[in-house]
Every structure is written in structure tokens, then in C-alpha cells.
Amino acid sequence: MTARVLVVDDEPDELALIERHLRRLGYDVLATKSAEEALADEDNLGVDVAIVDLRLPGMGGWELVDVLHARRPGLPVIVTSVLDQDDYPQVEAWLPKPFTGEGVQAAVARALGESP
């Protein structure tokens, strides 16, 4: 079965790039541009892993990570950001920007407990 990945990023270019990398790796991708959009559709919470940008308009990435963990205990979350990794919330993996296809693959593998 193909893993499903929720990606939340308000930058269209970044969202498209992550989505492209994930699809090339064979993942099903649900892409949204805000935390509110991600949480509005229950199907988005049925994913295997979530990739969350920390700097989102409205509800920020930190709060979204907390909500995802509350609604889906055990859901692996990857944080992506231009911020320093020391400022990231407690998550399973991180994907600092700018990222590469190899970085996306490694972060998802780490979050899912697989070898890249």
C-alpha cells in the first residue's frame, strides 16, 4: 500500500516542489495551503505522515503540530522551515529549507521508521 502524505505550506512554489518530490517517490499526496484547510477535511487526517511548514498564516505550524498530535496520536510529523532547527517543535523528522529530493526522501523515511 502506498503511504499517504499531508503537506501544509502556504508558499505555492514550495508546496508544488515538495508534492513533486513525494509523487516521484511514489507517495499519494494531499496538499493544502493552510492549517485551517488541512483540518477542515477529515480525510486529511487519515494520512500516514504530515509535513508542516512552521510559518503559516492564521493558525501557525506549531499549533497545527499540536492539533495533529492531539487528533491523531502517533501520527509522524515532519517540520519544514527556514527557521533554525533548535526552534522546531518536538516532531519525528525535520526538513530544513531549501530542501532537495534526497532530503525529502530521508525525512519521510525517518518519520515512518524506514531506511531511506
PDB file of N, CA and C in Angstrom:
ATOM      1  N   MET A   1       0.834  -1.188   0.000  1.00  0.00           N
ATOM      2  CA  MET A   1       0.000   0.000   0.000  1.00  0.00           C
ATOM      3  C   MET A   1       0.879   1.253   0.000  1.00  0.00           C
ATOM      4  N   THR A   2       0.503   2.219  -0.761  1.00  0.00           N
ATOM      5  CA  THR A   2       1.255   3.457  -0.864  1.00  0.00           C
ATOM      6  C   THR A   2       0.956   4.364   0.324  1.00  0.00           C
ATOM      7  N   ALA A   3       2.016   4.908   0.919  1.00  0.00           N
ATOM      8  CA  ALA A   3       1.831   5.823   2.046  1.00  0.00           C
ATOM      9  C   ALA A   3       1.208   7.122   1.553  1.00  0.00           C
ATOM     10  N   ARG A   4       0.344   7.698   2.405  1.00  0.00           N
ATOM     11  CA  ARG A   4      -0.310   8.978   2.099  1.00  0.00           C
ATOM     12  C   ARG A   4       0.346  10.067   2.937  1.00  0.00           C
ATOM     13  N   VAL A   5       0.654  11.189   2.282  1.00  0.00           N
ATOM     14  CA  VAL A   5       1.357  12.281   2.945  1.00  0.00           C
ATOM     15  C   VAL A   5       0.540  13.561   2.828  1.00  0.00           C
ATOM     16  N   LEU A   6       0.293  14.202   3.977  1.00  0.00           N
ATOM     17  CA  LEU A   6      -0.334  15.519   4.007  1.00  0.00           C
ATOM     18  C   LEU A   6       0.776  16.554   4.027  1.00  0.00           C
ATOM     19  N   VAL A   7       0.710  17.530   3.107  1.00  0.00           N
ATOM     20  CA  VAL A   7       1.692  18.610   3.061  1.00  0.00           C
ATOM     21  C   VAL A   7       0.947  19.924   3.265  1.00  0.00           C
ATOM     22  N   VAL A   8       1.414  20.720   4.235  1.00  0.00           N
ATOM     23  CA  VAL A   8       0.803  22.013   4.526  1.00  0.00           C
ATOM     24  C   VAL A   8       1.879  23.086   4.396  1.00  0.00           C
ATOM     25  N   ASP A   9       1.760  23.914   3.343  1.00  0.00           N
ATOM     26  CA  ASP A   9       2.717  25.001   3.104  1.00  0.00           C
ATOM     27  C   ASP A   9       1.997  26.097   2.337  1.00  0.00           C
ATOM     28  N   ASP A  10       2.112  27.334   2.811  1.00  0.00           N
ATOM     29  CA  ASP A  10       1.394  28.441   2.176  1.00  0.00           C
ATOM     30  C   ASP A  10       2.114  29.016   0.963  1.00  0.00           C
ATOM     31  N   GLU A  11       3.364  28.619   0.728  1.00  0.00           N
ATOM     32  CA  GLU A  11       4.110  29.096  -0.437  1.00  0.00           C
ATOM     33  C   GLU A  11       3.844  28.154  -1.605  1.00  0.00           C
ATOM     34  N   PRO A  12       3.168  28.628  -2.662  1.00  0.00           N
ATOM     35  CA  PRO A  12       2.806  27.738  -3.775  1.00  0.00           C
ATOM     36  C   PRO A  12       3.995  27.014  -4.399  1.00  0.00           C
ATOM     37  N   ASP A  13       5.123  27.694  -4.568  1.00  0.00           N
ATOM     38  CA  ASP A  13       6.291  27.050  -5.176  1.00  0.00           C
ATOM     39  C   ASP A  13       6.845  25.941  -4.288  1.00  0.00           C
ATOM     40  N   GLU A  14       6.921  26.207  -2.987  1.00  0.00           N
ATOM     41  CA  GLU A  14       7.421  25.198  -2.046  1.00  0.00           C
ATOM     42  C   GLU A  14       6.467  24.004  -1.988  1.00  0.00           C
ATOM     43  N   LEU A  15       5.178  24.280  -1.936  1.00  0.00           N
ATOM     44  CA  LEU A  15       4.169  23.229  -1.896  1.00  0.00           C
ATOM     45  C   LEU A  15       4.267  22.349  -3.137  1.00  0.00           C
ATOM     46  N   ALA A  16       4.369  22.971  -4.290  1.00  0.00           N
ATOM     47  CA  ALA A  16       4.465  22.222  -5.547  1.00  0.00           C
ATOM     48  C   ALA A  16       5.749  21.391  -5.602  1.00  0.00           C
ATOM     49  N   LEU A  17       6.841  21.946  -5.094  1.00  0.00           N
ATOM     50  CA  LEU A  17       8.118  21.234  -5.126  1.00  0.00           C
ATOM     51  C   LEU A  17       8.100  20.016  -4.204  1.00  0.00           C
ATOM     52  N   ILE A  18       7.604  20.182  -2.995  1.00  0.00           N
ATOM     53  CA  ILE A  18       7.508  19.031  -2.083  1.00  0.00           C
ATOM     54  C   ILE A  18       6.589  17.969  -2.683  1.00  0.00           C
ATOM     55  N   GLU A  19       5.455  18.425  -3.211  1.00  0.00           N
ATOM     56  CA  GLU A  19       4.495  17.492  -3.812  1.00  0.00           C
ATOM     57  C   GLU A  19       5.142  16.716  -4.962  1.00  0.00           C
ATOM     58  N   ARG A  20       5.881  17.407  -5.814  1.00  0.00           N
ATOM     59  CA  ARG A  20       6.550  16.754  -6.951  1.00  0.00           C
ATOM     60  C   ARG A  20       7.547  15.703  -6.458  1.00  0.00           C
ATOM     61  N   HIS A  21       8.373  16.066  -5.471  1.00  0.00           N
ATOM     62  CA  HIS A  21       9.345  15.105  -4.931  1.00  0.00           C
ATOM     63  C   HIS A  21       8.643  13.878  -4.360  1.00  0.00           C
ATOM     64  N   LEU A  22       7.577  14.094  -3.592  1.00  0.00           N
ATOM     65  CA  LEU A  22       6.859  12.981  -2.975  1.00  0.00           C
ATOM     66  C   LEU A  22       6.211  12.074  -4.017  1.00  0.00           C
ATOM     67  N   ARG A  23       5.601  12.674  -5.033  1.00  0.00           N
ATOM     68  CA  ARG A  23       4.965  11.856  -6.081  1.00  0.00           C
ATOM     69  C   ARG A  23       6.003  11.031  -6.843  1.00  0.00           C
ATOM     70  N   ARG A  24       7.163  11.626  -7.097  1.00  0.00           N
ATOM     71  CA  ARG A  24       8.251  10.871  -7.767  1.00  0.00           C
ATOM     72  C   ARG A  24       8.689   9.683  -6.930  1.00  0.00           C
ATOM     73  N   LEU A  25       8.601   9.822  -5.619  1.00  0.00           N
ATOM     74  CA  LEU A  25       8.969   8.739  -4.708  1.00  0.00           C
ATOM     75  C   LEU A  25       7.849   7.713  -4.539  1.00  0.00           C
ATOM     76  N   GLY A  26       6.694   7.973  -5.154  1.00  0.00           N
ATOM     77  CA  GLY A  26       5.597   7.018  -5.140  1.00  0.00           C
ATOM     78  C   GLY A  26       4.553   7.221  -4.059  1.00  0.00           C
ATOM     79  N   TYR A  27       4.595   8.359  -3.372  1.00  0.00           N
ATOM     80  CA  TYR A  27       3.615   8.627  -2.322  1.00  0.00           C
ATOM     81  C   TYR A  27       2.359   9.274  -2.894  1.00  0.00           C
ATOM     82  N   ASP A  28       1.221   9.028  -2.237  1.00  0.00           N
ATOM     83  CA  ASP A  28      -0.010   9.770  -2.506  1.00  0.00           C
ATOM     84  C   ASP A  28       0.078  11.051  -1.687  1.00  0.00           C
ATOM     85  N   VAL A  29      -0.239  12.189  -2.300  1.00  0.00           N
ATOM     86  CA  VAL A  29      -0.058  13.469  -1.629  1.00  0.00           C
ATOM     87  C   VAL A  29      -1.370  14.228  -1.526  1.00  0.00           C
ATOM     88  N   LEU A  30      -1.641  14.747  -0.330  1.00  0.00           N
ATOM     89  CA  LEU A  30      -2.747  15.666  -0.093  1.00  0.00           C
ATOM     90  C   LEU A  30      -2.086  16.996   0.238  1.00  0.00           C
ATOM     91  N   ALA A  31      -2.221  17.980  -0.636  1.00  0.00           N
ATOM     92  CA  ALA A  31      -1.536  19.261  -0.459  1.00  0.00           C
ATOM     93  C   ALA A  31      -2.534  20.346  -0.076  1.00  0.00           C
ATOM     94  N   THR A  32      -2.209  21.096   0.984  1.00  0.00           N
ATOM     95  CA  THR A  32      -3.050  22.204   1.420  1.00  0.00           C
ATOM     96  C   THR A  32      -2.177  23.415   1.707  1.00  0.00           C
ATOM     97  N   LYS A  33      -2.795  24.601   1.635  1.00  0.00           N
ATOM     98  CA  LYS A  33      -2.014  25.833   1.800  1.00  0.00           C
ATOM     99  C   LYS A  33      -2.207  26.507   3.150  1.00  0.00           C
ATOM    100  N   SER A  34      -2.973  25.867   4.051  1.00  0.00           N
ATOM    101  CA  SER A  34      -3.140  26.446   5.386  1.00  0.00           C
ATOM    102  C   SER A  34      -3.505  25.348   6.382  1.00  0.00           C
ATOM    103  N   ALA A  35      -3.250  25.653   7.656  1.00  0.00           N
ATOM    104  CA  ALA A  35      -3.626  24.722   8.720  1.00  0.00           C
ATOM    105  C   ALA A  35      -5.136  24.523   8.739  1.00  0.00           C
ATOM    106  N   GLU A  36      -5.853  25.634   8.580  1.00  0.00           N
ATOM    107  CA  GLU A  36      -7.317  25.563   8.605  1.00  0.00           C
ATOM    108  C   GLU A  36      -7.846  24.664   7.481  1.00  0.00           C
ATOM    109  N   GLU A  37      -7.275  24.790   6.304  1.00  0.00           N
ATOM    110  CA  GLU A  37      -7.682  23.951   5.162  1.00  0.00           C
ATOM    111  C   GLU A  37      -7.362  22.485   5.449  1.00  0.00           C
ATOM    112  N   ALA A  38      -6.214  22.234   6.028  1.00  0.00           N
ATOM    113  CA  ALA A  38      -5.823  20.860   6.342  1.00  0.00           C
ATOM    114  C   ALA A  38      -6.780  20.218   7.342  1.00  0.00           C
ATOM    115  N   LEU A  39      -7.193  20.983   8.353  1.00  0.00           N
ATOM    116  CA  LEU A  39      -8.051  20.443   9.404  1.00  0.00           C
ATOM    117  C   LEU A  39      -9.527  20.391   9.022  1.00  0.00           C
ATOM    118  N   ALA A  40      -9.921  21.130   7.987  1.00  0.00           N
ATOM    119  CA  ALA A  40     -11.330  21.187   7.574  1.00  0.00           C
ATOM    120  C   ALA A  40     -11.801  19.885   6.952  1.00  0.00           C
ATOM    121  N   ASP A  41     -10.904  19.107   6.383  1.00  0.00           N
ATOM    122  CA  ASP A  41     -11.262  17.865   5.697  1.00  0.00           C
ATOM    123  C   ASP A  41     -10.737  16.685   6.510  1.00  0.00           C
ATOM    124  N   GLU A  42     -11.635  15.894   7.074  1.00  0.00           N
ATOM    125  CA  GLU A  42     -11.246  14.751   7.904  1.00  0.00           C
ATOM    126  C   GLU A  42     -10.362  13.763   7.147  1.00  0.00           C
ATOM    127  N   ASP A  43     -10.520  13.683   5.817  1.00  0.00           N
ATOM    128  CA  ASP A  43      -9.698  12.777   5.009  1.00  0.00           C
ATOM    129  C   ASP A  43      -8.216  13.126   5.154  1.00  0.00           C
ATOM    130  N   ASN A  44      -7.917  14.412   5.372  1.00  0.00           N
ATOM    131  CA  ASN A  44      -6.526  14.833   5.523  1.00  0.00           C
ATOM    132  C   ASN A  44      -5.886  14.241   6.777  1.00  0.00           C
ATOM    133  N   LEU A  45      -6.697  13.857   7.747  1.00  0.00           N
ATOM    134  CA  LEU A  45      -6.154  13.291   8.975  1.00  0.00           C
ATOM    135  C   LEU A  45      -5.943  11.781   8.871  1.00  0.00           C
ATOM    136  N   GLY A  46      -6.360  11.182   7.758  1.00  0.00           N
ATOM    137  CA  GLY A  46      -6.174   9.755   7.550  1.00  0.00           C
ATOM    138  C   GLY A  46      -4.879   9.427   6.835  1.00  0.00           C
ATOM    139  N   VAL A  47      -3.892  10.287   6.969  1.00  0.00           N
ATOM    140  CA  VAL A  47      -2.620  10.103   6.275  1.00  0.00           C
ATOM    141  C   VAL A  47      -1.647   9.296   7.132  1.00  0.00           C
ATOM    142  N   ASP A  48      -0.535   8.894   6.513  1.00  0.00           N
ATOM    143  CA  ASP A  48       0.496   8.144   7.208  1.00  0.00           C
ATOM    144  C   ASP A  48       1.568   9.045   7.812  1.00  0.00           C
ATOM    145  N   VAL A  49       1.714  10.245   7.252  1.00  0.00           N
ATOM    146  CA  VAL A  49       2.696  11.216   7.736  1.00  0.00           C
ATOM    147  C   VAL A  49       2.263  12.606   7.281  1.00  0.00           C
ATOM    148  N   ALA A  50       2.613  13.630   8.069  1.00  0.00           N
ATOM    149  CA  ALA A  50       2.293  15.012   7.709  1.00  0.00           C
ATOM    150  C   ALA A  50       3.576  15.829   7.652  1.00  0.00           C
ATOM    151  N   ILE A  51       3.665  16.700   6.644  1.00  0.00           N
ATOM    152  CA  ILE A  51       4.774  17.648   6.520  1.00  0.00           C
ATOM    153  C   ILE A  51       4.184  19.032   6.704  1.00  0.00           C
ATOM    154  N   VAL A  52       4.670  19.749   7.731  1.00  0.00           N
ATOM    155  CA  VAL A  52       4.085  21.028   8.125  1.00  0.00           C
ATOM    156  C   VAL A  52       5.132  22.136   8.086  1.00  0.00           C
ATOM    157  N   ASP A  53       4.829  23.197   7.338  1.00  0.00           N
ATOM    158  CA  ASP A  53       5.658  24.401   7.367  1.00  0.00           C
ATOM    159  C   ASP A  53       5.328  25.143   8.660  1.00  0.00           C
ATOM    160  N   LEU A  54       6.338  25.631   9.347  1.00  0.00           N
ATOM    161  CA  LEU A  54       6.081  26.321  10.612  1.00  0.00           C
ATOM    162  C   LEU A  54       5.491  27.706  10.438  1.00  0.00           C
ATOM    163  N   ARG A  55       5.864  28.391   9.369  1.00  0.00           N
ATOM    164  CA  ARG A  55       5.412  29.770   9.176  1.00  0.00           C
ATOM    165  C   ARG A  55       4.198  29.788   8.250  1.00  0.00           C
ATOM    166  N   LEU A  56       3.031  29.647   8.859  1.00  0.00           N
ATOM    167  CA  LEU A  56       1.770  29.645   8.116  1.00  0.00           C
ATOM    168  C   LEU A  56       0.936  30.842   8.557  1.00  0.00           C
ATOM    169  N   PRO A  57       0.140  31.402   7.640  1.00  0.00           N
ATOM    170  CA  PRO A  57      -0.777  32.471   8.048  1.00  0.00           C
ATOM    171  C   PRO A  57      -1.918  31.870   8.867  1.00  0.00           C
ATOM    172  N   GLY A  58      -2.556  32.670   9.704  1.00  0.00           N
ATOM    173  CA  GLY A  58      -3.634  32.141  10.539  1.00  0.00           C
ATOM    174  C   GLY A  58      -3.040  31.238  11.598  1.00  0.00           C
ATOM    175  N   MET A  59      -3.572  30.030  11.713  1.00  0.00           N
ATOM    176  CA  MET A  59      -3.016  29.062  12.654  1.00  0.00           C
ATOM    177  C   MET A  59      -1.607  28.704  12.201  1.00  0.00           C
ATOM    178  N   GLY A  60      -0.629  28.899  13.058  1.00  0.00           N
ATOM    179  CA  GLY A  60       0.759  28.611  12.707  1.00  0.00           C
ATOM    180  C   GLY A  60       1.083  27.133  12.752  1.00  0.00           C
ATOM    181  N   GLY A  61       2.253  26.809  12.254  1.00  0.00           N
ATOM    182  CA  GLY A  61       2.691  25.426  12.195  1.00  0.00           C
ATOM    183  C   GLY A  61       2.850  24.768  13.549  1.00  0.00           C
ATOM    184  N   TRP A  62       3.329  25.529  14.557  1.00  0.00           N
ATOM    185  CA  TRP A  62       3.478  24.957  15.890  1.00  0.00           C
ATOM    186  C   TRP A  62       2.131  24.476  16.415  1.00  0.00           C
ATOM    187  N   GLU A  63       1.111  25.316  16.275  1.00  0.00           N
ATOM    188  CA  GLU A  63      -0.221  24.950  16.749  1.00  0.00           C
ATOM    189  C   GLU A  63      -0.784  23.781  15.951  1.00  0.00           C
ATOM    190  N   LEU A  64      -0.556  23.778  14.640  1.00  0.00           N
ATOM    191  CA  LEU A  64      -1.032  22.677  13.806  1.00  0.00           C
ATOM    192  C   LEU A  64      -0.396  21.359  14.240  1.00  0.00           C
ATOM    193  N   VAL A  65       0.894  21.365  14.536  1.00  0.00           N
ATOM    194  CA  VAL A  65       1.561  20.148  15.006  1.00  0.00           C
ATOM    195  C   VAL A  65       0.877  19.639  16.278  1.00  0.00           C
ATOM    196  N   ASP A  66       0.573  20.549  17.208  1.00  0.00           N
ATOM    197  CA  ASP A  66      -0.108  20.154  18.445  1.00  0.00           C
ATOM    198  C   ASP A  66      -1.486  19.560  18.163  1.00  0.00           C
ATOM    199  N   VAL A  67      -2.240  20.197  17.263  1.00  0.00           N
ATOM    200  CA  VAL A  67      -3.585  19.707  16.925  1.00  0.00           C
ATOM    201  C   VAL A  67      -3.505  18.337  16.248  1.00  0.00           C
ATOM    202  N   LEU A  68      -2.565  18.172  15.325  1.00  0.00           N
ATOM    203  CA  LEU A  68      -2.404  16.876  14.648  1.00  0.00           C
ATOM    204  C   LEU A  68      -2.077  15.784  15.650  1.00  0.00           C
ATOM    205  N   HIS A  69      -1.158  16.060  16.572  1.00  0.00           N
ATOM    206  CA  HIS A  69      -0.802  15.063  17.580  1.00  0.00           C
ATOM    207  C   HIS A  69      -1.973  14.765  18.517  1.00  0.00           C
ATOM    208  N   ALA A  70      -2.803  15.771  18.802  1.00  0.00           N
ATOM    209  CA  ALA A  70      -3.968  15.557  19.667  1.00  0.00           C
ATOM    210  C   ALA A  70      -5.037  14.735  18.953  1.00  0.00           C
ATOM    211  N   ARG A  71      -5.280  15.045  17.678  1.00  0.00           N
ATOM    212  CA  ARG A  71      -6.337  14.343  16.930  1.00  0.00           C
ATOM    213  C   ARG A  71      -5.899  12.974  16.437  1.00  0.00           C
ATOM    214  N   ARG A  72      -4.618  12.839  16.148  1.00  0.00           N
ATOM    215  CA  ARG A  72      -4.067  11.581  15.623  1.00  0.00           C
ATOM    216  C   ARG A  72      -2.820  11.201  16.408  1.00  0.00           C
ATOM    217  N   PRO A  73      -2.981  10.743  17.646  1.00  0.00           N
ATOM    218  CA  PRO A  73      -1.805  10.333  18.422  1.00  0.00           C
ATOM    219  C   PRO A  73      -0.989   9.309  17.633  1.00  0.00           C
ATOM    220  N   GLY A  74       0.315   9.511  17.608  1.00  0.00           N
ATOM    221  CA  GLY A  74       1.188   8.596  16.886  1.00  0.00           C
ATOM    222  C   GLY A  74       1.430   8.978  15.432  1.00  0.00           C
ATOM    223  N   LEU A  75       0.732   9.997  14.926  1.00  0.00           N
ATOM    224  CA  LEU A  75       0.953  10.418  13.539  1.00  0.00           C
ATOM    225  C   LEU A  75       2.348  11.029  13.425  1.00  0.00           C
ATOM    226  N   PRO A  76       3.202  10.478  12.569  1.00  0.00           N
ATOM    227  CA  PRO A  76       4.522  11.082  12.388  1.00  0.00           C
ATOM    228  C   PRO A  76       4.388  12.440  11.685  1.00  0.00           C
ATOM    229  N   VAL A  77       5.096  13.441  12.225  1.00  0.00           N
ATOM    230  CA  VAL A  77       5.063  14.780  11.657  1.00  0.00           C
ATOM    231  C   VAL A  77       6.482  15.212  11.315  1.00  0.00           C
ATOM    232  N   ILE A  78       6.612  15.812  10.142  1.00  0.00           N
ATOM    233  CA  ILE A  78       7.874  16.393   9.677  1.00  0.00           C
ATOM    234  C   ILE A  78       7.666  17.898   9.621  1.00  0.00           C
ATOM    235  N   VAL A  79       8.606  18.648  10.178  1.00  0.00           N
ATOM    236  CA  VAL A  79       8.550  20.099  10.114  1.00  0.00           C
ATOM    237  C   VAL A  79       9.486  20.574   9.019  1.00  0.00           C
ATOM    238  N   THR A  80       9.004  21.528   8.218  1.00  0.00           N
ATOM    239  CA  THR A  80       9.849  22.170   7.226  1.00  0.00           C
ATOM    240  C   THR A  80       9.828  23.666   7.490  1.00  0.00           C
ATOM    241  N   SER A  81      11.006  24.279   7.410  1.00  0.00           N
ATOM    242  CA  SER A  81      11.075  25.705   7.728  1.00  0.00           C
ATOM    243  C   SER A  81      12.438  26.271   7.372  1.00  0.00           C
ATOM    244  N   VAL A  82      12.481  27.601   7.263  1.00  0.00           N
ATOM    245  CA  VAL A  82      13.748  28.301   7.108  1.00  0.00           C
ATOM    246  C   VAL A  82      14.316  28.640   8.489  1.00  0.00           C
ATOM    247  N   LEU A  83      13.528  28.436   9.550  1.00  0.00           N
ATOM    248  CA  LEU A  83      13.961  28.746  10.910  1.00  0.00           C
ATOM    249  C   LEU A  83      15.022  27.751  11.372  1.00  0.00           C
ATOM    250  N   ASP A  84      15.750  28.110  12.403  1.00  0.00           N
ATOM    251  CA  ASP A  84      16.776  27.253  12.983  1.00  0.00           C
ATOM    252  C   ASP A  84      16.126  26.009  13.580  1.00  0.00           C
ATOM    253  N   GLN A  85      16.745  24.865  13.384  1.00  0.00           N
ATOM    254  CA  GLN A  85      16.181  23.608  13.879  1.00  0.00           C
ATOM    255  C   GLN A  85      15.987  23.600  15.393  1.00  0.00           C
ATOM    256  N   ASP A  86      16.760  24.409  16.121  1.00  0.00           N
ATOM    257  CA  ASP A  86      16.593  24.483  17.568  1.00  0.00           C
ATOM    258  C   ASP A  86      15.227  25.045  17.947  1.00  0.00           C
ATOM    259  N   ASP A  87      14.567  25.746  17.003  1.00  0.00           N
ATOM    260  CA  ASP A  87      13.266  26.350  17.263  1.00  0.00           C
ATOM    261  C   ASP A  87      12.099  25.444  16.865  1.00  0.00           C
ATOM    262  N   TYR A  88      12.384  24.253  16.329  1.00  0.00           N
ATOM    263  CA  TYR A  88      11.324  23.359  15.883  1.00  0.00           C
ATOM    264  C   TYR A  88      10.619  22.714  17.074  1.00  0.00           C
ATOM    265  N   PRO A  89       9.319  22.423  16.928  1.00  0.00           N
ATOM    266  CA  PRO A  89       8.619  21.661  17.979  1.00  0.00           C
ATOM    267  C   PRO A  89       9.084  20.205  17.966  1.00  0.00           C
ATOM    268  N   GLN A  90       8.651  19.445  18.945  1.00  0.00           N
ATOM    269  CA  GLN A  90       9.003  18.027  19.041  1.00  0.00           C
ATOM    270  C   GLN A  90       8.283  17.255  17.936  1.00  0.00           C
ATOM    271  N   VAL A  91       9.038  16.757  16.962  1.00  0.00           N
ATOM    272  CA  VAL A  91       8.479  16.011  15.835  1.00  0.00           C
ATOM    273  C   VAL A  91       9.403  14.840  15.494  1.00  0.00           C
ATOM    274  N   GLU A  92       8.925  13.988  14.609  1.00  0.00           N
ATOM    275  CA  GLU A  92       9.678  12.790  14.241  1.00  0.00           C
ATOM    276  C   GLU A  92      10.828  13.076  13.272  1.00  0.00           C
ATOM    277  N   ALA A  93      10.690  14.120  12.465  1.00  0.00           N
ATOM    278  CA  ALA A  93      11.739  14.437  11.488  1.00  0.00           C
ATOM    279  C   ALA A  93      11.622  15.903  11.084  1.00  0.00           C
ATOM    280  N   TRP A  94      12.638  16.410  10.451  1.00  0.00           N
ATOM    281  CA  TRP A  94      12.640  17.794  10.001  1.00  0.00           C
ATOM    282  C   TRP A  94      13.208  17.876   8.598  1.00  0.00           C
ATOM    283  N   LEU A  95      12.816  18.931   7.903  1.00  0.00           N
ATOM    284  CA  LEU A  95      13.208  19.142   6.514  1.00  0.00           C
ATOM    285  C   LEU A  95      13.523  20.629   6.339  1.00  0.00           C
ATOM    286  N   PRO A  96      14.751  21.040   6.683  1.00  0.00           N
ATOM    287  CA  PRO A  96      15.088  22.467   6.568  1.00  0.00           C
ATOM    288  C   PRO A  96      15.010  22.932   5.117  1.00  0.00           C
ATOM    289  N   LYS A  97      14.556  24.172   4.943  1.00  0.00           N
ATOM    290  CA  LYS A  97      14.523  24.782   3.609  1.00  0.00           C
ATOM    291  C   LYS A  97      15.827  25.526   3.392  1.00  0.00           C
ATOM    292  N   PRO A  98      16.359  25.555   2.196  1.00  0.00           N
ATOM    293  CA  PRO A  98      15.861  24.872   0.999  1.00  0.00           C
ATOM    294  C   PRO A  98      16.144  23.370   1.090  1.00  0.00           C
ATOM    295  N   PHE A  99      15.274  22.575   0.508  1.00  0.00           N
ATOM    296  CA  PHE A  99      15.409  21.133   0.585  1.00  0.00           C
ATOM    297  C   PHE A  99      15.649  20.544  -0.792  1.00  0.00           C
ATOM    298  N   THR A 100      16.106  19.295  -0.807  1.00  0.00           N
ATOM    299  CA  THR A 100      16.354  18.554  -2.039  1.00  0.00           C
ATOM    300  C   THR A 100      15.449  17.331  -2.065  1.00  0.00           C
ATOM    301  N   GLY A 101      15.382  16.676  -3.194  1.00  0.00           N
ATOM    302  CA  GLY A 101      14.623  15.435  -3.290  1.00  0.00           C
ATOM    303  C   GLY A 101      15.147  14.387  -2.326  1.00  0.00           C
ATOM    304  N   GLU A 102      16.482  14.321  -2.186  1.00  0.00           N
ATOM    305  CA  GLU A 102      17.087  13.372  -1.253  1.00  0.00           C
ATOM    306  C   GLU A 102      16.697  13.720   0.184  1.00  0.00           C
ATOM    307  N   GLY A 103      16.629  15.020   0.484  1.00  0.00           N
ATOM    308  CA  GLY A 103      16.231  15.453   1.820  1.00  0.00           C
ATOM    309  C   GLY A 103      14.798  15.075   2.137  1.00  0.00           C
ATOM    310  N   VAL A 104      13.914  15.237   1.152  1.00  0.00           N
ATOM    311  CA  VAL A 104      12.506  14.853   1.325  1.00  0.00           C
ATOM    312  C   VAL A 104      12.411  13.354   1.577  1.00  0.00           C
ATOM    313  N   GLN A 105      13.112  12.580   0.759  1.00  0.00           N
ATOM    314  CA  GLN A 105      13.088  11.124   0.899  1.00  0.00           C
ATOM    315  C   GLN A 105      13.607  10.700   2.270  1.00  0.00           C
ATOM    316  N   ALA A 106      14.702  11.283   2.720  1.00  0.00           N
ATOM    317  CA  ALA A 106      15.281  10.918   4.015  1.00  0.00           C
ATOM    318  C   ALA A 106      14.357  11.300   5.169  1.00  0.00           C
ATOM    319  N   ALA A 107      13.740  12.477   5.090  1.00  0.00           N
ATOM    320  CA  ALA A 107      12.851  12.929   6.166  1.00  0.00           C
ATOM    321  C   ALA A 107      11.628  12.022   6.281  1.00  0.00           C
ATOM    322  N   VAL A 108      11.020  11.664   5.154  1.00  0.00           N
ATOM    323  CA  VAL A 108       9.840  10.795   5.184  1.00  0.00           C
ATOM    324  C   VAL A 108      10.225   9.409   5.698  1.00  0.00           C
ATOM    325  N   ALA A 109      11.350   8.887   5.233  1.00  0.00           N
ATOM    326  CA  ALA A 109      11.803   7.570   5.698  1.00  0.00           C
ATOM    327  C   ALA A 109      12.040   7.603   7.206  1.00  0.00           C
ATOM    328  N   ARG A 110      12.683   8.670   7.717  1.00  0.00           N
ATOM    329  CA  ARG A 110      12.952   8.786   9.149  1.00  0.00           C
ATOM    330  C   ARG A 110      11.629   8.857   9.929  1.00  0.00           C
ATOM    331  N   ALA A 111      10.685   9.631   9.432  1.00  0.00           N
ATOM    332  CA  ALA A 111       9.398   9.786  10.121  1.00  0.00           C
ATOM    333  C   ALA A 111       8.618   8.470  10.151  1.00  0.00           C
ATOM    334  N   LEU A 112       8.722   7.692   9.083  1.00  0.00           N
ATOM    335  CA  LEU A 112       7.996   6.428   9.006  1.00  0.00           C
ATOM    336  C   LEU A 112       8.786   5.255   9.588  1.00  0.00           C
ATOM    337  N   GLY A 113      10.009   5.523  10.057  1.00  0.00           N
ATOM    338  CA  GLY A 113      10.830   4.476  10.630  1.00  0.00           C
ATOM    339  C   GLY A 113      11.378   3.505   9.616  1.00  0.00           C
ATOM    340  N   GLU A 114      11.636   4.011   8.398  1.00  0.00           N
ATOM    341  CA  GLU A 114      12.149   3.180   7.309  1.00  0.00           C
ATOM    342  C   GLU A 114      13.566   3.622   6.969  1.00  0.00           C
ATOM    343  N   SER A 115      14.251   2.791   6.190  1.00  0.00           N
ATOM    344  CA  SER A 115      15.565   3.170   5.670  1.00  0.00           C
ATOM    345  C   SER A 115      15.359   3.969   4.397  1.00  0.00           C
ATOM    346  N   PRO A 116      16.110   5.082   4.237  1.00  0.00           N
ATOM    347  CA  PRO A 116      15.942   5.897   3.009  1.00  0.00           C
ATOM    348  C   PRO A 116      16.402   5.163   1.775  1.00  0.00           C
TER     349      PRO A 116
END
